[in-house]
């Protein structure tokens, strides 16, 4: 475990930290200016600030790779649960995501392989967020701020294709 996860560069951690702080700050502002959804935005902001704290502690060397991954598993549940809650889904569903994703991640971490726990959990977490956004879009309702991407997994999966296409010189159609 230590060998694989210790290879994560400081640049990657600082990049994650920077993006998380920006999103956490934006959500905190939303919580302050949107009285109707104040608690919902505050909950999602708290999840983002939790991740920022975890990344910051890791960058300073205060968290080992195993502790870092375990805390990120907790964040996955907090993020998915907070997104479900923000969009008005039942509290039981939000709680199921908040508890179920870390449970899955810890099951993989302790029962199978420590180095793939977040690789199993994160696609499900982002899938939940993407489905929640798609359902909201289909309903025709206003969505939360544009800082919450509507479908991060498809965009992320297109990046290698775009990169390969740009290297090949094939024009985009």
Protein backbone atom coordinates (compact mmCIF):
# COMPACT_ATOMS: atom_id res chain seq x y z
CA UNK A 1 0.00 0.00 0.00
CA UNK A 2 2.63 2.49 1.00
CA UNK A 3 4.52 2.06 -2.28
CA UNK A 4 1.63 2.70 -4.64
CA UNK A 5 -0.06 5.57 -2.80
CA UNK A 6 3.16 7.24 -1.76
CA UNK A 7 3.85 7.85 -5.46
CA UNK A 8 1.00 10.38 -5.65
CA UNK A 9 2.80 13.59 -6.41
CA UNK A 10 2.55 16.73 -4.36
CA UNK A 11 1.35 18.51 -7.50
CA UNK A 12 -1.69 16.22 -7.68
CA UNK A 13 -2.52 16.79 -4.03
CA UNK A 14 -2.10 20.58 -4.32
CA UNK A 15 -4.19 20.59 -7.50
CA UNK A 16 -6.97 18.72 -5.74
CA UNK A 17 -6.64 21.00 -2.73
CA UNK A 18 -6.89 24.16 -4.82
CA UNK A 19 -10.00 23.00 -6.68
CA UNK A 20 -11.61 21.81 -3.47
CA UNK A 21 -11.00 25.10 -1.67
CA UNK A 22 -12.53 27.07 -4.56
CA UNK A 23 -15.61 24.85 -4.64
CA UNK A 24 -15.92 24.81 -0.84
CA UNK A 25 -15.72 28.60 -0.73
CA UNK A 26 -18.26 29.00 -3.51
CA UNK A 27 -20.69 26.63 -1.76
CA UNK A 28 -20.18 28.49 1.50
CA UNK A 29 -21.11 31.75 -0.23
CA UNK A 30 -24.16 30.02 -1.70
CA UNK A 31 -25.13 28.91 1.81
CA UNK A 32 -24.91 32.51 2.99
CA UNK A 33 -26.91 34.05 0.13
CA UNK A 34 -29.56 31.36 -0.44
CA UNK A 35 -31.68 31.22 2.73
CA UNK A 36 -34.05 28.60 1.34
CA UNK A 37 -31.24 26.07 0.79
CA UNK A 38 -28.77 27.36 3.36
CA UNK A 39 -28.36 24.10 5.29
CA UNK A 40 -28.11 22.02 2.12
CA UNK A 41 -25.37 24.17 0.63
CA UNK A 42 -23.62 24.34 4.01
CA UNK A 43 -23.60 20.55 4.20
CA UNK A 44 -22.03 20.22 0.76
CA UNK A 45 -19.59 23.00 1.59
CA UNK A 46 -18.62 21.17 4.79
CA UNK A 47 -17.95 18.02 2.76
CA UNK A 48 -15.66 19.98 0.44
CA UNK A 49 -13.83 21.66 3.33
CA UNK A 50 -13.35 18.23 4.92
CA UNK A 51 -11.63 17.06 1.73
CA UNK A 52 -9.56 20.25 1.65
CA UNK A 53 -8.40 19.60 5.22
CA UNK A 54 -7.53 15.99 4.38
CA UNK A 55 -5.55 17.03 1.29
CA UNK A 56 -3.78 19.78 3.23
CA UNK A 57 -2.79 17.45 6.06
CA UNK A 58 -1.53 14.90 3.52
CA UNK A 59 0.52 17.56 1.73
CA UNK A 60 2.19 18.48 5.02
CA UNK A 61 3.02 14.85 5.70
CA UNK A 62 0.71 14.52 8.70
CA UNK A 63 -1.31 11.71 7.11
CA UNK A 64 0.10 8.47 5.86
CA UNK A 65 -1.21 6.98 2.61
CA UNK A 66 -3.54 4.53 4.37
CA UNK A 67 -5.13 7.19 6.59
CA UNK A 68 -5.42 9.52 3.62
CA UNK A 69 -7.29 6.93 1.56
CA UNK A 70 -9.59 6.03 4.45
CA UNK A 71 -10.53 9.66 4.99
CA UNK A 72 -11.18 10.06 1.27
CA UNK A 73 -13.56 7.09 1.48
CA UNK A 74 -15.48 8.94 4.18
CA UNK A 75 -15.54 12.02 1.95
CA UNK A 76 -17.01 10.01 -0.94
CA UNK A 77 -20.03 9.18 1.19
CA UNK A 78 -20.35 12.72 2.50
CA UNK A 79 -20.21 14.18 -1.01
CA UNK A 80 -22.77 11.79 -2.52
CA UNK A 81 -25.12 12.18 0.45
CA UNK A 82 -24.83 15.98 0.38
CA UNK A 83 -25.53 16.15 -3.37
CA UNK A 84 -28.62 13.95 -2.94
CA UNK A 85 -29.75 16.14 -0.05
CA UNK A 86 -29.13 19.35 -2.01
CA UNK A 87 -31.43 18.18 -4.77
CA UNK A 88 -34.22 17.31 -2.36
CA UNK A 89 -34.03 13.53 -2.41
CA UNK A 90 -35.35 11.63 0.63
CA UNK A 91 -33.18 11.77 3.73
CA UNK A 92 -33.00 7.96 3.79
CA UNK A 93 -31.48 7.91 0.32
CA UNK A 94 -28.96 10.59 1.24
CA UNK A 95 -28.06 8.72 4.40
CA UNK A 96 -27.78 5.43 2.51
CA UNK A 97 -25.26 7.00 0.15
CA UNK A 98 -23.40 8.72 3.00
CA UNK A 99 -23.02 5.43 4.86
CA UNK A 100 -23.05 2.91 2.02
CA UNK A 101 -20.21 4.28 -0.07
CA UNK A 102 -17.71 4.37 2.81
CA UNK A 103 -18.89 0.89 3.85
CA UNK A 104 -18.19 -0.41 0.35
CA UNK A 105 -14.83 1.37 0.29
CA UNK A 106 -13.78 0.04 3.68
CA UNK A 107 -14.91 -3.44 2.63
CA UNK A 108 -12.59 -3.26 -0.37
CA UNK A 109 -9.84 -1.59 1.68
CA UNK A 110 -9.78 -4.23 4.42
CA UNK A 111 -11.16 -7.22 2.58
CA UNK A 112 -9.58 -7.14 -0.84
CA UNK A 113 -6.93 -4.56 -1.80
CA UNK A 114 -6.12 -1.35 -0.03
CA UNK A 115 -4.85 0.41 -3.13
CA UNK A 116 -8.09 0.18 -5.13
CA UNK A 117 -10.70 1.16 -2.54
CA UNK A 118 -11.13 4.69 -3.87
CA UNK A 119 -10.95 3.37 -7.45
CA UNK A 120 -14.02 1.28 -6.68
CA UNK A 121 -15.87 3.92 -4.65
CA UNK A 122 -15.27 7.11 -6.63
CA UNK A 123 -16.92 6.05 -9.91
CA UNK A 124 -20.04 5.14 -7.94
CA UNK A 125 -19.94 8.46 -6.09
CA UNK A 126 -19.56 10.46 -9.29
CA UNK A 127 -22.18 8.26 -10.94
CA UNK A 128 -24.64 9.13 -8.18
CA UNK A 129 -23.90 12.84 -8.68
CA UNK A 130 -24.31 12.51 -12.45
CA UNK A 131 -27.64 10.66 -12.15
CA UNK A 132 -28.94 13.17 -9.61
CA UNK A 133 -28.08 16.02 -11.98
CA UNK A 134 -29.68 14.18 -14.93
CA UNK A 135 -32.89 13.57 -12.97
CA UNK A 136 -33.00 17.24 -12.01
CA UNK A 137 -32.45 18.25 -15.62
CA UNK A 138 -35.24 15.93 -16.84
CA UNK A 139 -37.59 17.42 -14.28
CA UNK A 140 -36.88 20.76 -15.86
CA UNK A 141 -36.06 22.31 -12.52
CA UNK A 142 -33.41 24.85 -11.88
CA UNK A 143 -30.16 23.27 -10.93
CA UNK A 144 -27.72 24.32 -8.25
CA UNK A 145 -24.82 26.50 -9.26
CA UNK A 146 -22.75 25.62 -12.33
CA UNK A 147 -19.80 24.77 -10.09
CA UNK A 148 -21.41 21.37 -9.58
CA UNK A 149 -20.68 19.58 -12.84
CA UNK A 150 -23.70 17.88 -14.39
CA UNK A 151 -21.82 14.75 -15.41
CA UNK A 152 -18.19 14.50 -14.31
CA UNK A 153 -17.63 10.86 -15.39
CA UNK A 154 -18.47 11.39 -19.07
CA UNK A 155 -16.29 14.46 -19.22
CA UNK A 156 -13.43 12.66 -17.53
CA UNK A 157 -13.75 9.68 -19.86
CA UNK A 158 -13.60 11.95 -22.91
CA UNK A 159 -10.30 13.53 -21.90
CA UNK A 160 -8.10 10.66 -23.17
CA UNK A 161 -10.02 10.62 -26.47
CA UNK A 162 -9.61 14.36 -26.93
CA UNK A 163 -5.92 14.14 -26.10
CA UNK A 164 -5.36 11.28 -28.55
CA UNK A 165 -7.31 13.08 -31.27
CA UNK A 166 -5.33 16.29 -30.80
CA UNK A 167 -2.03 14.38 -31.02
CA UNK A 168 -3.13 12.59 -34.20
CA UNK A 169 -4.01 15.82 -35.94
CA UNK A 170 -7.48 14.54 -36.80
CA UNK A 171 -9.84 17.51 -36.83
CA UNK A 172 -12.82 17.52 -34.55
CA UNK A 173 -16.13 16.93 -36.26
